Amino acid sequence: MTTRIFTIEGMTCGHCVAAVTSEVEKVPGISRAVVDLEQKTLTVTGDFDNALVVAAVDEAGYAVI
């Protein structure tokens, strides 16, 4: 099991957090996804493909930097 922290660009509110969380939780292998609005981070745990996490954040309308 891997834990990785991604920095997310463009989040400004609770709706942003919900959108990113919802999309990332759909990624196969993710067991936990936590978005921190103040730090602009996404912490994911599980056995996942980083590219799929980045794509899910993009699908939510935000960008991994």
C-alpha atoms as a PDB file:
ATOM      1  CA  MET A   1       0.000   0.000   0.000  1.00  0.00           C
ATOM      2  CA  THR A   2       1.294   3.421  -1.017  1.00  0.00           C
ATOM      3  CA  THR A   3       0.516   6.897   0.308  1.00  0.00           C
ATOM      4  CA  ARG A   4       1.209   9.858  -1.955  1.00  0.00           C
ATOM      5  CA  ILE A   5       0.565  13.581  -1.604  1.00  0.00           C
ATOM      6  CA  PHE A   6      -0.354  15.620  -4.680  1.00  0.00           C
ATOM      7  CA  THR A   7      -0.530  19.429  -4.819  1.00  0.00           C
ATOM      8  CA  ILE A   8      -3.730  20.626  -6.481  1.00  0.00           C
ATOM      9  CA  GLU A   9      -4.113  23.949  -8.278  1.00  0.00           C
ATOM     10  CA  GLY A  10      -7.375  25.862  -8.476  1.00  0.00           C
ATOM     11  CA  MET A  11      -9.312  24.732  -5.386  1.00  0.00           C
ATOM     12  CA  THR A  12     -11.005  27.583  -3.535  1.00  0.00           C
ATOM     13  CA  CYS A  13     -13.989  26.155  -1.622  1.00  0.00           C
ATOM     14  CA  GLY A  14     -15.741  23.150  -0.144  1.00  0.00           C
ATOM     15  CA  HIS A  15     -17.328  22.330  -3.494  1.00  0.00           C
ATOM     16  CA  CYS A  16     -13.848  22.005  -4.973  1.00  0.00           C
ATOM     17  CA  VAL A  17     -12.880  19.571  -2.217  1.00  0.00           C
ATOM     18  CA  ALA A  18     -16.013  17.495  -2.823  1.00  0.00           C
ATOM     19  CA  ALA A  19     -15.461  17.417  -6.590  1.00  0.00           C
ATOM     20  CA  VAL A  20     -11.845  16.267  -6.320  1.00  0.00           C
ATOM     21  CA  THR A  21     -12.643  13.711  -3.611  1.00  0.00           C
ATOM     22  CA  SER A  22     -15.545  12.274  -5.595  1.00  0.00           C
ATOM     23  CA  GLU A  23     -13.515  11.800  -8.778  1.00  0.00           C
ATOM     24  CA  VAL A  24     -10.411  10.429  -7.065  1.00  0.00           C
ATOM     25  CA  GLU A  25     -12.404   7.897  -5.049  1.00  0.00           C
ATOM     26  CA  LYS A  26     -13.481   6.342  -8.386  1.00  0.00           C
ATOM     27  CA  VAL A  27      -9.863   5.444  -9.251  1.00  0.00           C
ATOM     28  CA  PRO A  28      -9.240   1.696  -8.965  1.00  0.00           C
ATOM     29  CA  GLY A  29      -7.062   0.807  -5.981  1.00  0.00           C
ATOM     30  CA  ILE A  30      -7.695   3.962  -3.947  1.00  0.00           C
ATOM     31  CA  SER A  31      -8.565   3.030  -0.374  1.00  0.00           C
ATOM     32  CA  ARG A  32      -8.492   6.569   1.037  1.00  0.00           C
ATOM     33  CA  ALA A  33      -8.514  10.066  -0.457  1.00  0.00           C
ATOM     34  CA  VAL A  34      -8.228  13.187   1.719  1.00  0.00           C
ATOM     35  CA  VAL A  35      -8.282  16.711   0.304  1.00  0.00           C
ATOM     36  CA  ASP A  36      -6.927  19.607   2.379  1.00  0.00           C
ATOM     37  CA  LEU A  37      -8.256  22.901   1.031  1.00  0.00           C
ATOM     38  CA  GLU A  38      -5.950  25.075   3.129  1.00  0.00           C
ATOM     39  CA  GLN A  39      -2.792  23.240   2.065  1.00  0.00           C
ATOM     40  CA  LYS A  40      -4.128  22.611  -1.476  1.00  0.00           C
ATOM     41  CA  THR A  41      -3.180  18.930  -1.205  1.00  0.00           C
ATOM     42  CA  LEU A  42      -4.666  15.549  -1.998  1.00  0.00           C
ATOM     43  CA  THR A  43      -3.412  12.583   0.017  1.00  0.00           C
ATOM     44  CA  VAL A  44      -4.237   9.183  -1.447  1.00  0.00           C
ATOM     45  CA  THR A  45      -3.606   5.741  -0.019  1.00  0.00           C
ATOM     46  CA  GLY A  46      -3.866   2.398  -1.782  1.00  0.00           C
ATOM     47  CA  ASP A  47      -2.452   0.542  -4.761  1.00  0.00           C
ATOM     48  CA  PHE A  48      -3.094   2.952  -7.622  1.00  0.00           C
ATOM     49  CA  ASP A  49      -1.647   4.334 -10.838  1.00  0.00           C
ATOM     50  CA  ASN A  50      -0.467   7.942 -10.391  1.00  0.00           C
ATOM     51  CA  ALA A  51      -1.561   8.799 -13.931  1.00  0.00           C
ATOM     52  CA  LEU A  52      -5.139   7.770 -13.112  1.00  0.00           C
ATOM     53  CA  VAL A  53      -5.147  10.025 -10.052  1.00  0.00           C
ATOM     54  CA  VAL A  54      -3.898  12.959 -12.144  1.00  0.00           C
ATOM     55  CA  ALA A  55      -6.571  12.205 -14.762  1.00  0.00           C
ATOM     56  CA  ALA A  56      -9.287  12.098 -12.076  1.00  0.00           C
ATOM     57  CA  VAL A  57      -8.216  15.492 -10.703  1.00  0.00           C
ATOM     58  CA  ASP A  58      -8.288  16.843 -14.257  1.00  0.00           C
ATOM     59  CA  GLU A  59     -11.777  15.384 -14.756  1.00  0.00           C
ATOM     60  CA  ALA A  60     -12.886  17.277 -11.636  1.00  0.00           C
ATOM     61  CA  GLY A  61     -11.661  20.497 -13.268  1.00  0.00           C
ATOM     62  CA  TYR A  62      -8.405  21.041 -11.375  1.00  0.00           C
ATOM     63  CA  ALA A  63      -4.723  20.375 -12.003  1.00  0.00           C
ATOM     64  CA  VAL A  64      -1.964  18.482 -10.207  1.00  0.00           C
ATOM     65  CA  ILE A  65       1.171  20.618 -10.025  1.00  0.00           C
END
